Amino acid sequence: MSVAQRCLSMVKGRHRFVFRYAEGRESDLLASFVALASDPGSEFDWLDAAVLSYQMGQRFSRELESVAQCE
């Protein structure tokens, strides 16, 4: 059984951030957000991390809702 691939992306000024991750590896993605936001040389900041984390949570919530409706 193959694991579904997910993608989150954001455009910020002249930068484009694209994060691809395997379903079930959301905690690794969050760790990547923290690492990037902590890096003073990165254009990715804590607000960016919060926005993408929120988007990921919203997607997860919609998926749980659709599974609950099927039961």
PDB file of N, CA and C in Angstrom:
ATOM      1  N   MET A   1       0.835  -1.177   0.000  1.00  0.00           N
ATOM      2  CA  MET A   1       0.000   0.000   0.000  1.00  0.00           C
ATOM      3  C   MET A   1       0.880   1.240   0.000  1.00  0.00           C
ATOM      4  N   SER A   2       0.644   2.153  -0.934  1.00  0.00           N
ATOM      5  CA  SER A   2       1.481   3.344  -1.017  1.00  0.00           C
ATOM      6  C   SER A   2       0.940   4.436  -0.095  1.00  0.00           C
ATOM      7  N   VAL A   3       1.842   5.247   0.396  1.00  0.00           N
ATOM      8  CA  VAL A   3       1.488   6.341   1.292  1.00  0.00           C
ATOM      9  C   VAL A   3       1.197   7.576   0.449  1.00  0.00           C
ATOM     10  N   ALA A   4       0.098   8.232   0.749  1.00  0.00           N
ATOM     11  CA  ALA A   4      -0.285   9.436   0.000  1.00  0.00           C
ATOM     12  C   ALA A   4       0.719  10.554   0.244  1.00  0.00           C
ATOM     13  N   GLN A   5       1.045  11.264  -0.811  1.00  0.00           N
ATOM     14  CA  GLN A   5       1.938  12.413  -0.715  1.00  0.00           C
ATOM     15  C   GLN A   5       1.093  13.681  -0.584  1.00  0.00           C
ATOM     16  N   ARG A   6       1.531  14.581   0.252  1.00  0.00           N
ATOM     17  CA  ARG A   6       0.843  15.845   0.489  1.00  0.00           C
ATOM     18  C   ARG A   6       1.770  16.987   0.121  1.00  0.00           C
ATOM     19  N   CYS A   7       1.166  18.149  -0.079  1.00  0.00           N
ATOM     20  CA  CYS A   7       1.956  19.326  -0.424  1.00  0.00           C
ATOM     21  C   CYS A   7       1.326  20.557   0.208  1.00  0.00           C
ATOM     22  N   LEU A   8       2.156  21.386   0.800  1.00  0.00           N
ATOM     23  CA  LEU A   8       1.760  22.707   1.281  1.00  0.00           C
ATOM     24  C   LEU A   8       2.703  23.703   0.625  1.00  0.00           C
ATOM     25  N   SER A   9       2.157  24.816   0.184  1.00  0.00           N
ATOM     26  CA  SER A   9       3.037  25.821  -0.426  1.00  0.00           C
ATOM     27  C   SER A   9       2.595  27.218  -0.029  1.00  0.00           C
ATOM     28  N   MET A  10       3.539  28.137  -0.146  1.00  0.00           N
ATOM     29  CA  MET A  10       3.285  29.526   0.208  1.00  0.00           C
ATOM     30  C   MET A  10       4.214  30.407  -0.619  1.00  0.00           C
ATOM     31  N   VAL A  11       3.682  31.508  -1.102  1.00  0.00           N
ATOM     32  CA  VAL A  11       4.495  32.502  -1.798  1.00  0.00           C
ATOM     33  C   VAL A  11       4.602  33.706  -0.874  1.00  0.00           C
ATOM     34  N   LYS A  12       5.832  34.144  -0.660  1.00  0.00           N
ATOM     35  CA  LYS A  12       6.091  35.280   0.211  1.00  0.00           C
ATOM     36  C   LYS A  12       7.103  36.175  -0.499  1.00  0.00           C
ATOM     37  N   GLY A  13       6.610  37.274  -1.004  1.00  0.00           N
ATOM     38  CA  GLY A  13       7.488  38.161  -1.761  1.00  0.00           C
ATOM     39  C   GLY A  13       8.053  37.434  -2.964  1.00  0.00           C
ATOM     40  N   ARG A  14       9.368  37.428  -3.079  1.00  0.00           N
ATOM     41  CA  ARG A  14      10.008  36.743  -4.206  1.00  0.00           C
ATOM     42  C   ARG A  14      10.333  35.282  -3.903  1.00  0.00           C
ATOM     43  N   HIS A  15       9.934  34.823  -2.727  1.00  0.00           N
ATOM     44  CA  HIS A  15      10.221  33.450  -2.313  1.00  0.00           C
ATOM     45  C   HIS A  15       8.988  32.564  -2.453  1.00  0.00           C
ATOM     46  N   ARG A  16       9.234  31.332  -2.826  1.00  0.00           N
ATOM     47  CA  ARG A  16       8.171  30.327  -2.883  1.00  0.00           C
ATOM     48  C   ARG A  16       8.624  29.141  -2.029  1.00  0.00           C
ATOM     49  N   PHE A  17       7.837  28.819  -1.034  1.00  0.00           N
ATOM     50  CA  PHE A  17       8.132  27.704  -0.149  1.00  0.00           C
ATOM     51  C   PHE A  17       7.192  26.556  -0.491  1.00  0.00           C
ATOM     52  N   VAL A  18       7.750  25.408  -0.816  1.00  0.00           N
ATOM     53  CA  VAL A  18       6.960  24.234  -1.155  1.00  0.00           C
ATOM     54  C   VAL A  18       7.421  23.095  -0.251  1.00  0.00           C
ATOM     55  N   PHE A  19       6.473  22.515   0.457  1.00  0.00           N
ATOM     56  CA  PHE A  19       6.771  21.426   1.377  1.00  0.00           C
ATOM     57  C   PHE A  19       5.988  20.202   0.930  1.00  0.00           C
ATOM     58  N   ARG A  20       6.698  19.148   0.599  1.00  0.00           N
ATOM     59  CA  ARG A  20       6.075  17.876   0.250  1.00  0.00           C
ATOM     60  C   ARG A  20       6.373  16.893   1.374  1.00  0.00           C
ATOM     61  N   TYR A  21       5.348  16.158   1.760  1.00  0.00           N
ATOM     62  CA  TYR A  21       5.519  15.223   2.871  1.00  0.00           C
ATOM     63  C   TYR A  21       4.570  14.041   2.701  1.00  0.00           C
ATOM     64  N   ALA A  22       4.917  12.949   3.301  1.00  0.00           N
ATOM     65  CA  ALA A  22       4.092  11.747   3.246  1.00  0.00           C
ATOM     66  C   ALA A  22       3.008  11.825   4.316  1.00  0.00           C
ATOM     67  N   GLU A  23       1.836  11.336   3.974  1.00  0.00           N
ATOM     68  CA  GLU A  23       0.748  11.274   4.941  1.00  0.00           C
ATOM     69  C   GLU A  23       1.243  10.536   6.182  1.00  0.00           C
ATOM     70  N   GLY A  24       0.961  11.100   7.351  1.00  0.00           N
ATOM     71  CA  GLY A  24       1.423  10.504   8.600  1.00  0.00           C
ATOM     72  C   GLY A  24       2.744  11.082   9.088  1.00  0.00           C
ATOM     73  N   ARG A  25       3.380  11.922   8.289  1.00  0.00           N
ATOM     74  CA  ARG A  25       4.666  12.526   8.674  1.00  0.00           C
ATOM     75  C   ARG A  25       4.514  14.015   8.994  1.00  0.00           C
ATOM     76  N   GLU A  26       3.334  14.398   9.434  1.00  0.00           N
ATOM     77  CA  GLU A  26       3.062  15.803   9.729  1.00  0.00           C
ATOM     78  C   GLU A  26       3.979  16.355  10.823  1.00  0.00           C
ATOM     79  N   SER A  27       4.311  15.528  11.802  1.00  0.00           N
ATOM     80  CA  SER A  27       5.190  16.006  12.874  1.00  0.00           C
ATOM     81  C   SER A  27       6.579  16.348  12.335  1.00  0.00           C
ATOM     82  N   ASP A  28       7.049  15.608  11.338  1.00  0.00           N
ATOM     83  CA  ASP A  28       8.339  15.939  10.709  1.00  0.00           C
ATOM     84  C   ASP A  28       8.248  17.276   9.982  1.00  0.00           C
ATOM     85  N   LEU A  29       7.109  17.519   9.348  1.00  0.00           N
ATOM     86  CA  LEU A  29       6.918  18.786   8.653  1.00  0.00           C
ATOM     87  C   LEU A  29       6.909  19.948   9.644  1.00  0.00           C
ATOM     88  N   LEU A  30       6.224  19.763  10.763  1.00  0.00           N
ATOM     89  CA  LEU A  30       6.221  20.815  11.787  1.00  0.00           C
ATOM     90  C   LEU A  30       7.629  21.090  12.297  1.00  0.00           C
ATOM     91  N   ALA A  31       8.415  20.043  12.456  1.00  0.00           N
ATOM     92  CA  ALA A  31       9.809  20.220  12.887  1.00  0.00           C
ATOM     93  C   ALA A  31      10.593  21.016  11.843  1.00  0.00           C
ATOM     94  N   SER A  32      10.293  20.801  10.572  1.00  0.00           N
ATOM     95  CA  SER A  32      10.953  21.571   9.506  1.00  0.00           C
ATOM     96  C   SER A  32      10.567  23.037   9.583  1.00  0.00           C
ATOM     97  N   PHE A  33       9.289  23.311   9.880  1.00  0.00           N
ATOM     98  CA  PHE A  33       8.855  24.701  10.043  1.00  0.00           C
ATOM     99  C   PHE A  33       9.634  25.377  11.168  1.00  0.00           C
ATOM    100  N   VAL A  34       9.778  24.672  12.282  1.00  0.00           N
ATOM    101  CA  VAL A  34      10.507  25.221  13.433  1.00  0.00           C
ATOM    102  C   VAL A  34      11.955  25.497  13.062  1.00  0.00           C
ATOM    103  N   ALA A  35      12.588  24.556  12.378  1.00  0.00           N
ATOM    104  CA  ALA A  35      13.993  24.730  11.993  1.00  0.00           C
ATOM    105  C   ALA A  35      14.155  25.935  11.074  1.00  0.00           C
ATOM    106  N   LEU A  36      13.283  26.066  10.095  1.00  0.00           N
ATOM    107  CA  LEU A  36      13.380  27.201   9.175  1.00  0.00           C
ATOM    108  C   LEU A  36      13.108  28.528   9.873  1.00  0.00           C
ATOM    109  N   ALA A  37      12.073  28.571  10.712  1.00  0.00           N
ATOM    110  CA  ALA A  37      11.727  29.810  11.404  1.00  0.00           C
ATOM    111  C   ALA A  37      12.809  30.218  12.399  1.00  0.00           C
ATOM    112  N   SER A  38      13.535  29.248  12.935  1.00  0.00           N
ATOM    113  CA  SER A  38      14.612  29.519  13.901  1.00  0.00           C
ATOM    114  C   SER A  38      15.894  29.994  13.231  1.00  0.00           C
ATOM    115  N   ASP A  39      16.015  29.774  11.943  1.00  0.00           N
ATOM    116  CA  ASP A  39      17.222  30.137  11.199  1.00  0.00           C
ATOM    117  C   ASP A  39      17.190  31.622  10.853  1.00  0.00           C
ATOM    118  N   PRO A  40      18.105  32.412  11.436  1.00  0.00           N
ATOM    119  CA  PRO A  40      18.094  33.850  11.163  1.00  0.00           C
ATOM    120  C   PRO A  40      18.380  34.192   9.691  1.00  0.00           C
ATOM    121  N   GLY A  41      18.955  33.288   8.956  1.00  0.00           N
ATOM    122  CA  GLY A  41      19.245  33.534   7.545  1.00  0.00           C
ATOM    123  C   GLY A  41      18.103  33.184   6.614  1.00  0.00           C
ATOM    124  N   SER A  42      17.039  32.636   7.176  1.00  0.00           N
ATOM    125  CA  SER A  42      15.897  32.212   6.365  1.00  0.00           C
ATOM    126  C   SER A  42      14.863  33.325   6.267  1.00  0.00           C
ATOM    127  N   GLU A  43      14.210  33.405   5.130  1.00  0.00           N
ATOM    128  CA  GLU A  43      13.108  34.354   4.945  1.00  0.00           C
ATOM    129  C   GLU A  43      11.808  33.815   5.535  1.00  0.00           C
ATOM    130  N   PHE A  44      11.820  32.570   5.957  1.00  0.00           N
ATOM    131  CA  PHE A  44      10.655  31.907   6.552  1.00  0.00           C
ATOM    132  C   PHE A  44      10.628  32.248   8.032  1.00  0.00           C
ATOM    133  N   ASP A  45       9.533  32.867   8.500  1.00  0.00           N
ATOM    134  CA  ASP A  45       9.487  33.287   9.903  1.00  0.00           C
ATOM    135  C   ASP A  45       8.391  32.546  10.675  1.00  0.00           C
ATOM    136  N   TRP A  46       8.214  32.940  11.939  1.00  0.00           N
ATOM    137  CA  TRP A  46       7.260  32.238  12.798  1.00  0.00           C
ATOM    138  C   TRP A  46       5.815  32.425  12.332  1.00  0.00           C
ATOM    139  N   LEU A  47       5.498  33.567  11.756  1.00  0.00           N
ATOM    140  CA  LEU A  47       4.150  33.755  11.219  1.00  0.00           C
ATOM    141  C   LEU A  47       3.899  32.795  10.059  1.00  0.00           C
ATOM    142  N   ASP A  48       4.900  32.622   9.202  1.00  0.00           N
ATOM    143  CA  ASP A  48       4.784  31.671   8.095  1.00  0.00           C
ATOM    144  C   ASP A  48       4.551  30.257   8.630  1.00  0.00           C
ATOM    145  N   ALA A  49       5.299  29.894   9.658  1.00  0.00           N
ATOM    146  CA  ALA A  49       5.147  28.571  10.270  1.00  0.00           C
ATOM    147  C   ALA A  49       3.734  28.405  10.837  1.00  0.00           C
ATOM    148  N   ALA A  50       3.231  29.455  11.466  1.00  0.00           N
ATOM    149  CA  ALA A  50       1.892  29.398  12.046  1.00  0.00           C
ATOM    150  C   ALA A  50       0.823  29.260  10.957  1.00  0.00           C
ATOM    151  N   VAL A  51       0.968  30.016   9.887  1.00  0.00           N
ATOM    152  CA  VAL A  51      -0.012  29.968   8.799  1.00  0.00           C
ATOM    153  C   VAL A  51      -0.045  28.579   8.164  1.00  0.00           C
ATOM    154  N   LEU A  52       1.114  28.025   7.859  1.00  0.00           N
ATOM    155  CA  LEU A  52       1.154  26.704   7.232  1.00  0.00           C
ATOM    156  C   LEU A  52       0.703  25.607   8.193  1.00  0.00           C
ATOM    157  N   SER A  53       1.026  25.742   9.463  1.00  0.00           N
ATOM    158  CA  SER A  53       0.558  24.774  10.458  1.00  0.00           C
ATOM    159  C   SER A  53      -0.965  24.804  10.543  1.00  0.00           C
ATOM    160  N   TYR A  54      -1.526  26.004  10.510  1.00  0.00           N
ATOM    161  CA  TYR A  54      -2.978  26.152  10.545  1.00  0.00           C
ATOM    162  C   TYR A  54      -3.610  25.503   9.315  1.00  0.00           C
ATOM    163  N   GLN A  55      -3.039  25.745   8.143  1.00  0.00           N
ATOM    164  CA  GLN A  55      -3.561  25.147   6.913  1.00  0.00           C
ATOM    165  C   GLN A  55      -3.529  23.620   7.002  1.00  0.00           C
ATOM    166  N   MET A  56      -2.449  23.085   7.526  1.00  0.00           N
ATOM    167  CA  MET A  56      -2.328  21.640   7.664  1.00  0.00           C
ATOM    168  C   MET A  56      -3.401  21.114   8.623  1.00  0.00           C
ATOM    169  N   GLY A  57      -3.633  21.823   9.710  1.00  0.00           N
ATOM    170  CA  GLY A  57      -4.664  21.426  10.664  1.00  0.00           C
ATOM    171  C   GLY A  57      -6.060  21.484  10.069  1.00  0.00           C
ATOM    172  N   GLN A  58      -6.323  22.498   9.261  1.00  0.00           N
ATOM    173  CA  GLN A  58      -7.623  22.620   8.604  1.00  0.00           C
ATOM    174  C   GLN A  58      -7.852  21.450   7.650  1.00  0.00           C
ATOM    175  N   ARG A  59      -6.831  21.076   6.898  1.00  0.00           N
ATOM    176  CA  ARG A  59      -6.950  19.939   5.975  1.00  0.00           C
ATOM    177  C   ARG A  59      -7.245  18.666   6.759  1.00  0.00           C
ATOM    178  N   PHE A  60      -6.517  18.469   7.836  1.00  0.00           N
ATOM    179  CA  PHE A  60      -6.701  17.282   8.665  1.00  0.00           C
ATOM    180  C   PHE A  60      -8.122  17.246   9.235  1.00  0.00           C
ATOM    181  N   SER A  61      -8.610  18.386   9.677  1.00  0.00           N
ATOM    182  CA  SER A  61      -9.957  18.488  10.234  1.00  0.00           C
ATOM    183  C   SER A  61     -11.020  18.141   9.195  1.00  0.00           C
ATOM    184  N   ARG A  62     -10.864  18.641   7.977  1.00  0.00           N
ATOM    185  CA  ARG A  62     -11.819  18.328   6.905  1.00  0.00           C
ATOM    186  C   ARG A  62     -11.822  16.838   6.596  1.00  0.00           C
ATOM    187  N   GLU A  63     -10.636  16.222   6.594  1.00  0.00           N
ATOM    188  CA  GLU A  63     -10.548  14.790   6.315  1.00  0.00           C
ATOM    189  C   GLU A  63     -11.215  13.974   7.413  1.00  0.00           C
ATOM    190  N   LEU A  64     -11.013  14.357   8.667  1.00  0.00           N
ATOM    191  CA  LEU A  64     -11.653  13.652   9.780  1.00  0.00           C
ATOM    192  C   LEU A  64     -13.166  13.807   9.709  1.00  0.00           C
ATOM    193  N   GLU A  65     -13.610  14.989   9.350  1.00  0.00           N
ATOM    194  CA  GLU A  65     -15.036  15.252   9.236  1.00  0.00           C
ATOM    195  C   GLU A  65     -15.668  14.367   8.158  1.00  0.00           C
ATOM    196  N   SER A  66     -14.982  14.220   7.022  1.00  0.00           N
ATOM    197  CA  SER A  66     -15.543  13.411   5.943  1.00  0.00           C
ATOM    198  C   SER A  66     -15.543  11.921   6.318  1.00  0.00           C
ATOM    199  N   VAL A  67     -14.557  11.473   7.070  1.00  0.00           N
ATOM    200  CA  VAL A  67     -14.538  10.084   7.534  1.00  0.00           C
ATOM    201  C   VAL A  67     -15.671   9.854   8.523  1.00  0.00           C
ATOM    202  N   ALA A  68     -15.910  10.799   9.415  1.00  0.00           N
ATOM    203  CA  ALA A  68     -16.965  10.667  10.406  1.00  0.00           C
ATOM    204  C   ALA A  68     -18.341  10.625   9.749  1.00  0.00           C
ATOM    205  N   GLN A  69     -18.512  11.343   8.648  1.00  0.00           N
ATOM    206  CA  GLN A  69     -19.793  11.344   7.941  1.00  0.00           C
ATOM    207  C   GLN A  69     -20.048  10.018   7.241  1.00  0.00           C
ATOM    208  N   CYS A  70     -19.005   9.306   6.881  1.00  0.00           N
ATOM    209  CA  CYS A  70     -19.150   8.025   6.196  1.00  0.00           C
ATOM    210  C   CYS A  70     -19.557   6.913   7.152  1.00  0.00           C
ATOM    211  N   GLU A  71     -19.325   7.092   8.420  1.00  0.00           N
ATOM    212  CA  GLU A  71     -19.604   6.043   9.402  1.00  0.00           C
ATOM    213  C   GLU A  71     -21.053   6.032   9.804  1.00  0.00           C
TER     214      GLU A  71
END
